[in-house]
Amino acid sequence: MRGFWSLLRFKRRVEERGVIAWDCNEKSLDGFNPEIGWVRVDLRRLFHIHRVYELKRRRLQSKASRKPSLRRVLEKYSRRER
């Protein structure tokens, strides 16, 4: 697996407080710093919202193929997922 680097640019001088290694999964964002320890951001609620709109869009796609008036509604849900 190849490493991933993120570069942050600041307009003012910022004192560094160490480095955190991040791991991103579907349901959590985990970070580790030897001085701080583990940092965990729970993304389950965000994943749930994403999944709900994905299922709504899937149902609308099947209905919009038969009923053209639903295409506008489908476009609305497709924009929300971007």
PDB file of N, CA and C in Angstrom:
ATOM      1  N   MET A   1       0.837  -1.170   0.000  1.00  0.00           N
ATOM      2  CA  MET A   1       0.000   0.000   0.000  1.00  0.00           C
ATOM      3  C   MET A   1       0.886   1.238   0.000  1.00  0.00           C
ATOM      4  N   ARG A   2       0.545   2.189  -0.807  1.00  0.00           N
ATOM      5  CA  ARG A   2       1.333   3.408  -0.891  1.00  0.00           C
ATOM      6  C   ARG A   2       0.881   4.394   0.180  1.00  0.00           C
ATOM      7  N   GLY A   3       1.806   5.210   0.626  1.00  0.00           N
ATOM      8  CA  GLY A   3       1.493   6.222   1.638  1.00  0.00           C
ATOM      9  C   GLY A   3       0.748   7.396   1.030  1.00  0.00           C
ATOM     10  N   PHE A   4       0.053   8.114   1.857  1.00  0.00           N
ATOM     11  CA  PHE A   4      -0.692   9.291   1.424  1.00  0.00           C
ATOM     12  C   PHE A   4      -0.241  10.460   2.278  1.00  0.00           C
ATOM     13  N   TRP A   5       0.127  11.551   1.627  1.00  0.00           N
ATOM     14  CA  TRP A   5       0.591  12.727   2.347  1.00  0.00           C
ATOM     15  C   TRP A   5      -0.386  13.862   2.146  1.00  0.00           C
ATOM     16  N   SER A   6      -0.622  14.597   3.194  1.00  0.00           N
ATOM     17  CA  SER A   6      -1.484  15.769   3.124  1.00  0.00           C
ATOM     18  C   SER A   6      -0.650  16.985   3.494  1.00  0.00           C
ATOM     19  N   LEU A   7      -0.747  18.034   2.705  1.00  0.00           N
ATOM     20  CA  LEU A   7       0.026  19.242   2.940  1.00  0.00           C
ATOM     21  C   LEU A   7      -0.927  20.374   3.274  1.00  0.00           C
ATOM     22  N   LEU A   8      -0.736  20.989   4.425  1.00  0.00           N
ATOM     23  CA  LEU A   8      -1.564  22.113   4.848  1.00  0.00           C
ATOM     24  C   LEU A   8      -0.737  23.385   4.775  1.00  0.00           C
ATOM     25  N   ARG A   9      -1.307  24.423   4.202  1.00  0.00           N
ATOM     26  CA  ARG A   9      -0.610  25.703   4.111  1.00  0.00           C
ATOM     27  C   ARG A   9      -1.320  26.710   5.009  1.00  0.00           C
ATOM     28  N   PHE A  10      -0.516  27.487   5.723  1.00  0.00           N
ATOM     29  CA  PHE A  10      -1.050  28.499   6.627  1.00  0.00           C
ATOM     30  C   PHE A  10      -0.543  29.869   6.205  1.00  0.00           C
ATOM     31  N   LYS A  11      -1.369  30.886   6.388  1.00  0.00           N
ATOM     32  CA  LYS A  11      -0.970  32.244   6.042  1.00  0.00           C
ATOM     33  C   LYS A  11      -0.185  32.904   7.169  1.00  0.00           C
ATOM     34  N   ARG A  12      -0.359  32.454   8.373  1.00  0.00           N
ATOM     35  CA  ARG A  12       0.406  33.016   9.480  1.00  0.00           C
ATOM     36  C   ARG A  12       1.256  31.910  10.095  1.00  0.00           C
ATOM     37  N   ARG A  13       2.240  32.303  10.830  1.00  0.00           N
ATOM     38  CA  ARG A  13       3.128  31.324  11.458  1.00  0.00           C
ATOM     39  C   ARG A  13       2.358  30.533  12.513  1.00  0.00           C
ATOM     40  N   VAL A  14       2.521  29.235  12.465  1.00  0.00           N
ATOM     41  CA  VAL A  14       1.861  28.350  13.419  1.00  0.00           C
ATOM     42  C   VAL A  14       2.920  27.462  14.037  1.00  0.00           C
ATOM     43  N   GLU A  15       2.875  27.359  15.347  1.00  0.00           N
ATOM     44  CA  GLU A  15       3.837  26.502  16.026  1.00  0.00           C
ATOM     45  C   GLU A  15       3.386  25.047  15.905  1.00  0.00           C
ATOM     46  N   GLU A  16       4.268  24.215  15.430  1.00  0.00           N
ATOM     47  CA  GLU A  16       3.936  22.793  15.273  1.00  0.00           C
ATOM     48  C   GLU A  16       3.836  22.137  16.643  1.00  0.00           C
ATOM     49  N   ARG A  17       2.855  21.274  16.779  1.00  0.00           N
ATOM     50  CA  ARG A  17       2.686  20.548  18.033  1.00  0.00           C
ATOM     51  C   ARG A  17       2.867  19.046  17.835  1.00  0.00           C
ATOM     52  N   GLY A  18       3.411  18.651  16.735  1.00  0.00           N
ATOM     53  CA  GLY A  18       3.615  17.239  16.482  1.00  0.00           C
ATOM     54  C   GLY A  18       2.894  16.786  15.227  1.00  0.00           C
ATOM     55  N   VAL A  19       2.993  15.526  14.964  1.00  0.00           N
ATOM     56  CA  VAL A  19       2.416  14.936  13.763  1.00  0.00           C
ATOM     57  C   VAL A  19       1.377  13.904  14.179  1.00  0.00           C
ATOM     58  N   ILE A  20       0.283  13.848  13.437  1.00  0.00           N
ATOM     59  CA  ILE A  20      -0.749  12.837  13.685  1.00  0.00           C
ATOM     60  C   ILE A  20      -0.894  11.994  12.423  1.00  0.00           C
ATOM     61  N   ALA A  21      -0.842  10.689  12.575  1.00  0.00           N
ATOM     62  CA  ALA A  21      -1.077   9.764  11.462  1.00  0.00           C
ATOM     63  C   ALA A  21      -2.570   9.466  11.421  1.00  0.00           C
ATOM     64  N   TRP A  22      -3.203   9.651  10.263  1.00  0.00           N
ATOM     65  CA  TRP A  22      -4.655   9.482  10.130  1.00  0.00           C
ATOM     66  C   TRP A  22      -4.993   8.248   9.315  1.00  0.00           C
ATOM     67  N   ASP A  23      -6.078   7.589   9.691  1.00  0.00           N
ATOM     68  CA  ASP A  23      -6.624   6.450   8.962  1.00  0.00           C
ATOM     69  C   ASP A  23      -8.114   6.710   8.781  1.00  0.00           C
ATOM     70  N   CYS A  24      -8.576   6.700   7.539  1.00  0.00           N
ATOM     71  CA  CYS A  24      -9.976   7.002   7.256  1.00  0.00           C
ATOM     72  C   CYS A  24     -10.691   5.734   6.795  1.00  0.00           C
ATOM     73  N   ASN A  25     -11.784   5.410   7.467  1.00  0.00           N
ATOM     74  CA  ASN A  25     -12.629   4.273   7.112  1.00  0.00           C
ATOM     75  C   ASN A  25     -14.034   4.781   6.826  1.00  0.00           C
ATOM     76  N   GLU A  26     -14.942   3.886   6.483  1.00  0.00           N
ATOM     77  CA  GLU A  26     -16.325   4.297   6.217  1.00  0.00           C
ATOM     78  C   GLU A  26     -16.980   4.920   7.437  1.00  0.00           C
ATOM     79  N   LYS A  27     -16.714   4.380   8.603  1.00  0.00           N
ATOM     80  CA  LYS A  27     -17.451   4.793   9.792  1.00  0.00           C
ATOM     81  C   LYS A  27     -16.613   5.500  10.850  1.00  0.00           C
ATOM     82  N   SER A  28     -15.323   5.713  10.606  1.00  0.00           N
ATOM     83  CA  SER A  28     -14.512   6.421  11.594  1.00  0.00           C
ATOM     84  C   SER A  28     -13.281   7.043  10.940  1.00  0.00           C
ATOM     85  N   LEU A  29     -12.787   8.069  11.599  1.00  0.00           N
ATOM     86  CA  LEU A  29     -11.545   8.727  11.211  1.00  0.00           C
ATOM     87  C   LEU A  29     -10.647   8.617  12.435  1.00  0.00           C
ATOM     88  N   ASP A  30      -9.580   7.821  12.333  1.00  0.00           N
ATOM     89  CA  ASP A  30      -8.723   7.533  13.478  1.00  0.00           C
ATOM     90  C   ASP A  30      -7.365   8.183  13.285  1.00  0.00           C
ATOM     91  N   GLY A  31      -6.868   8.791  14.349  1.00  0.00           N
ATOM     92  CA  GLY A  31      -5.553   9.408  14.310  1.00  0.00           C
ATOM     93  C   GLY A  31      -4.731   8.962  15.506  1.00  0.00           C
ATOM     94  N   PHE A  32      -3.397   8.988  15.330  1.00  0.00           N
ATOM     95  CA  PHE A  32      -2.515   8.616  16.439  1.00  0.00           C
ATOM     96  C   PHE A  32      -1.338   9.563  16.496  1.00  0.00           C
ATOM     97  N   ASN A  33      -1.057  10.024  17.701  1.00  0.00           N
ATOM     98  CA  ASN A  33       0.104  10.840  17.990  1.00  0.00           C
ATOM     99  C   ASN A  33       0.746  10.252  19.239  1.00  0.00           C
ATOM    100  N   PRO A  34       2.070  10.019  19.228  1.00  0.00           N
ATOM    101  CA  PRO A  34       2.707   9.420  20.403  1.00  0.00           C
ATOM    102  C   PRO A  34       2.517  10.238  21.685  1.00  0.00           C
ATOM    103  N   GLU A  35       2.409  11.561  21.562  1.00  0.00           N
ATOM    104  CA  GLU A  35       2.258  12.402  22.749  1.00  0.00           C
ATOM    105  C   GLU A  35       0.809  12.442  23.237  1.00  0.00           C
ATOM    106  N   ILE A  36      -0.135  12.521  22.311  1.00  0.00           N
ATOM    107  CA  ILE A  36      -1.552  12.643  22.659  1.00  0.00           C
ATOM    108  C   ILE A  36      -2.197  11.278  22.837  1.00  0.00           C
ATOM    109  N   GLY A  37      -1.863  10.352  21.971  1.00  0.00           N
ATOM    110  CA  GLY A  37      -2.490   9.036  21.961  1.00  0.00           C
ATOM    111  C   GLY A  37      -3.459   8.940  20.790  1.00  0.00           C
ATOM    112  N   TRP A  38      -4.490   8.144  20.943  1.00  0.00           N
ATOM    113  CA  TRP A  38      -5.464   7.924  19.879  1.00  0.00           C
ATOM    114  C   TRP A  38      -6.515   9.028  19.849  1.00  0.00           C
ATOM    115  N   VAL A  39      -6.867   9.430  18.634  1.00  0.00           N
ATOM    116  CA  VAL A  39      -7.944  10.392  18.401  1.00  0.00           C
ATOM    117  C   VAL A  39      -8.923   9.705  17.459  1.00  0.00           C
ATOM    118  N   ARG A  40     -10.199   9.677  17.831  1.00  0.00           N
ATOM    119  CA  ARG A  40     -11.187   9.007  16.983  1.00  0.00           C
ATOM    120  C   ARG A  40     -12.364   9.938  16.723  1.00  0.00           C
ATOM    121  N   VAL A  41     -12.717  10.061  15.447  1.00  0.00           N
ATOM    122  CA  VAL A  41     -13.875  10.846  15.044  1.00  0.00           C
ATOM    123  C   VAL A  41     -14.898   9.859  14.500  1.00  0.00           C
ATOM    124  N   ASP A  42     -16.060   9.823  15.120  1.00  0.00           N
ATOM    125  CA  ASP A  42     -17.105   8.880  14.733  1.00  0.00           C
ATOM    126  C   ASP A  42     -17.861   9.423  13.524  1.00  0.00           C
ATOM    127  N   LEU A  43     -17.898   8.660  12.431  1.00  0.00           N
ATOM    128  CA  LEU A  43     -18.571   9.070  11.203  1.00  0.00           C
ATOM    129  C   LEU A  43     -19.807   8.224  10.908  1.00  0.00           C
ATOM    130  N   ARG A  44     -20.296   7.467  11.891  1.00  0.00           N
ATOM    131  CA  ARG A  44     -21.439   6.582  11.638  1.00  0.00           C
ATOM    132  C   ARG A  44     -22.685   7.349  11.223  1.00  0.00           C
ATOM    133  N   ARG A  45     -22.934   8.492  11.853  1.00  0.00           N
ATOM    134  CA  ARG A  45     -24.121   9.294  11.502  1.00  0.00           C
ATOM    135  C   ARG A  45     -24.006   9.803  10.068  1.00  0.00           C
ATOM    136  N   LEU A  46     -22.827  10.247   9.697  1.00  0.00           N
ATOM    137  CA  LEU A  46     -22.592  10.722   8.335  1.00  0.00           C
ATOM    138  C   LEU A  46     -22.761   9.586   7.328  1.00  0.00           C
ATOM    139  N   PHE A  47     -22.241   8.409   7.641  1.00  0.00           N
ATOM    140  CA  PHE A  47     -22.379   7.255   6.761  1.00  0.00           C
ATOM    141  C   PHE A  47     -23.847   6.861   6.624  1.00  0.00           C
ATOM    142  N   HIS A  48     -24.611   6.954   7.716  1.00  0.00           N
ATOM    143  CA  HIS A  48     -26.039   6.623   7.687  1.00  0.00           C
ATOM    144  C   HIS A  48     -26.782   7.565   6.729  1.00  0.00           C
ATOM    145  N   ILE A  49     -26.516   8.860   6.819  1.00  0.00           N
ATOM    146  CA  ILE A  49     -27.163   9.833   5.933  1.00  0.00           C
ATOM    147  C   ILE A  49     -26.805   9.538   4.479  1.00  0.00           C
ATOM    148  N   HIS A  50     -25.542   9.245   4.226  1.00  0.00           N
ATOM    149  CA  HIS A  50     -25.096   8.913   2.866  1.00  0.00           C
ATOM    150  C   HIS A  50     -25.847   7.690   2.341  1.00  0.00           C
ATOM    151  N   ARG A  51     -25.970   6.677   3.178  1.00  0.00           N
ATOM    152  CA  ARG A  51     -26.632   5.429   2.766  1.00  0.00           C
ATOM    153  C   ARG A  51     -28.122   5.648   2.497  1.00  0.00           C
ATOM    154  N   VAL A  52     -28.792   6.464   3.322  1.00  0.00           N
ATOM    155  CA  VAL A  52     -30.218   6.742   3.134  1.00  0.00           C
ATOM    156  C   VAL A  52     -30.452   7.410   1.785  1.00  0.00           C
ATOM    157  N   TYR A  53     -29.637   8.426   1.453  1.00  0.00           N
ATOM    158  CA  TYR A  53     -29.808   9.104   0.173  1.00  0.00           C
ATOM    159  C   TYR A  53     -29.433   8.205  -1.003  1.00  0.00           C
ATOM    160  N   GLU A  54     -28.471   7.317  -0.792  1.00  0.00           N
ATOM    161  CA  GLU A  54     -28.110   6.369  -1.847  1.00  0.00           C
ATOM    162  C   GLU A  54     -29.288   5.447  -2.174  1.00  0.00           C
ATOM    163  N   LEU A  55     -29.976   4.953  -1.142  1.00  0.00           N
ATOM    164  CA  LEU A  55     -31.127   4.073  -1.362  1.00  0.00           C
ATOM    165  C   LEU A  55     -32.299   4.824  -1.984  1.00  0.00           C
ATOM    166  N   LYS A  56     -32.530   6.073  -1.550  1.00  0.00           N
ATOM    167  CA  LYS A  56     -33.596   6.882  -2.153  1.00  0.00           C
ATOM    168  C   LYS A  56     -33.319   7.103  -3.633  1.00  0.00           C
ATOM    169  N   ARG A  57     -32.061   7.437  -3.939  1.00  0.00           N
ATOM    170  CA  ARG A  57     -31.699   7.685  -5.331  1.00  0.00           C
ATOM    171  C   ARG A  57     -31.864   6.419  -6.171  1.00  0.00           C
ATOM    172  N   ARG A  58     -31.509   5.274  -5.622  1.00  0.00           N
ATOM    173  CA  ARG A  58     -31.644   4.007  -6.353  1.00  0.00           C
ATOM    174  C   ARG A  58     -33.107   3.718  -6.691  1.00  0.00           C
ATOM    175  N   ARG A  59     -34.007   3.923  -5.708  1.00  0.00           N
ATOM    176  CA  ARG A  59     -35.436   3.701  -5.963  1.00  0.00           C
ATOM    177  C   ARG A  59     -35.972   4.679  -7.001  1.00  0.00           C
ATOM    178  N   LEU A  60     -35.544   5.943  -6.894  1.00  0.00           N
ATOM    179  CA  LEU A  60     -36.004   6.945  -7.855  1.00  0.00           C
ATOM    180  C   LEU A  60     -35.499   6.656  -9.266  1.00  0.00           C
ATOM    181  N   GLN A  61     -34.296   6.141  -9.387  1.00  0.00           N
ATOM    182  CA  GLN A  61     -33.758   5.818 -10.709  1.00  0.00           C
ATOM    183  C   GLN A  61     -34.611   4.775 -11.405  1.00  0.00           C
ATOM    184  N   SER A  62     -35.045   3.774 -10.660  1.00  0.00           N
ATOM    185  CA  SER A  62     -35.863   2.735 -11.299  1.00  0.00           C
ATOM    186  C   SER A  62     -37.236   3.280 -11.690  1.00  0.00           C
ATOM    187  N   LYS A  63     -37.794   4.191 -10.875  1.00  0.00           N
ATOM    188  CA  LYS A  63     -39.101   4.765 -11.203  1.00  0.00           C
ATOM    189  C   LYS A  63     -38.997   5.835 -12.282  1.00  0.00           C
ATOM    190  N   ALA A  64     -37.897   6.600 -12.301  1.00  0.00           N
ATOM    191  CA  ALA A  64     -37.734   7.685 -13.272  1.00  0.00           C
ATOM    192  C   ALA A  64     -37.581   7.150 -14.689  1.00  0.00           C
ATOM    193  N   SER A  65     -37.128   5.921 -14.825  1.00  0.00           N
ATOM    194  CA  SER A  65     -37.012   5.355 -16.169  1.00  0.00           C
ATOM    195  C   SER A  65     -38.392   5.137 -16.789  1.00  0.00           C
ATOM    196  N   ARG A  66     -39.408   4.952 -15.937  1.00  0.00           N
ATOM    197  CA  ARG A  66     -40.774   4.754 -16.439  1.00  0.00           C
ATOM    198  C   ARG A  66     -41.612   6.031 -16.377  1.00  0.00           C
ATOM    199  N   LYS A  67     -41.241   6.959 -15.500  1.00  0.00           N
ATOM    200  CA  LYS A  67     -42.033   8.174 -15.307  1.00  0.00           C
ATOM    201  C   LYS A  67     -41.109   9.404 -15.397  1.00  0.00           C
ATOM    202  N   PRO A  68     -41.096  10.074 -16.538  1.00  0.00           N
ATOM    203  CA  PRO A  68     -40.158  11.185 -16.754  1.00  0.00           C
ATOM    204  C   PRO A  68     -40.313  12.359 -15.786  1.00  0.00           C
ATOM    205  N   SER A  69     -41.477  12.543 -15.181  1.00  0.00           N
ATOM    206  CA  SER A  69     -41.662  13.674 -14.266  1.00  0.00           C
ATOM    207  C   SER A  69     -40.824  13.528 -12.989  1.00  0.00           C
ATOM    208  N   LEU A  70     -40.350  12.339 -12.701  1.00  0.00           N
ATOM    209  CA  LEU A  70     -39.533  12.122 -11.509  1.00  0.00           C
ATOM    210  C   LEU A  70     -38.061  12.460 -11.741  1.00  0.00           C
ATOM    211  N   ARG A  71     -37.697  12.815 -12.951  1.00  0.00           N
ATOM    212  CA  ARG A  71     -36.289  13.115 -13.234  1.00  0.00           C
ATOM    213  C   ARG A  71     -35.795  14.331 -12.457  1.00  0.00           C
ATOM    214  N   ARG A  72     -36.678  15.349 -12.275  1.00  0.00           N
ATOM    215  CA  ARG A  72     -36.268  16.532 -11.509  1.00  0.00           C
ATOM    216  C   ARG A  72     -35.978  16.168 -10.052  1.00  0.00           C
ATOM    217  N   VAL A  73     -36.806  15.313  -9.493  1.00  0.00           N
ATOM    218  CA  VAL A  73     -36.592  14.872  -8.113  1.00  0.00           C
ATOM    219  C   VAL A  73     -35.297  14.069  -8.027  1.00  0.00           C
ATOM    220  N   LEU A  74     -35.056  13.239  -9.007  1.00  0.00           N
ATOM    221  CA  LEU A  74     -33.828  12.448  -9.043  1.00  0.00           C
ATOM    222  C   LEU A  74     -32.602  13.351  -9.135  1.00  0.00           C
ATOM    223  N   GLU A  75     -32.668  14.409  -9.925  1.00  0.00           N
ATOM    224  CA  GLU A  75     -31.553  15.353 -10.026  1.00  0.00           C
ATOM    225  C   GLU A  75     -31.275  16.011  -8.679  1.00  0.00           C
ATOM    226  N   LYS A  76     -32.332  16.329  -7.929  1.00  0.00           N
ATOM    227  CA  LYS A  76     -32.180  16.947  -6.611  1.00  0.00           C
ATOM    228  C   LYS A  76     -31.398  16.022  -5.671  1.00  0.00           C
ATOM    229  N   TYR A  77     -31.782  14.759  -5.615  1.00  0.00           N
ATOM    230  CA  TYR A  77     -31.096  13.825  -4.732  1.00  0.00           C
ATOM    231  C   TYR A  77     -29.686  13.516  -5.226  1.00  0.00           C
ATOM    232  N   SER A  78     -29.479  13.519  -6.523  1.00  0.00           N
ATOM    233  CA  SER A  78     -28.140  13.272  -7.055  1.00  0.00           C
ATOM    234  C   SER A  78     -27.203  14.420  -6.699  1.00  0.00           C
ATOM    235  N   ARG A  79     -27.707  15.667  -6.723  1.00  0.00           N
ATOM    236  CA  ARG A  79     -26.879  16.818  -6.346  1.00  0.00           C
ATOM    237  C   ARG A  79     -26.495  16.757  -4.874  1.00  0.00           C
ATOM    238  N   ARG A  80     -27.388  16.299  -4.032  1.00  0.00           N
ATOM    239  CA  ARG A  80     -27.107  16.246  -2.594  1.00  0.00           C
ATOM    240  C   ARG A  80     -25.973  15.288  -2.269  1.00  0.00           C
ATOM    241  N   GLU A  81     -25.804  14.276  -3.084  1.00  0.00           N
ATOM    242  CA  GLU A  81     -24.791  13.273  -2.780  1.00  0.00           C
ATOM    243  C   GLU A  81     -23.396  13.701  -3.210  1.00  0.00           C
ATOM    244  N   ARG A  82     -23.288  14.721  -3.993  1.00  0.00           N
ATOM    245  CA  ARG A  82     -21.957  15.162  -4.446  1.00  0.00           C
ATOM    246  C   ARG A  82     -21.221  15.897  -3.385  1.00  0.00           C
TER     247      ARG A  82
END
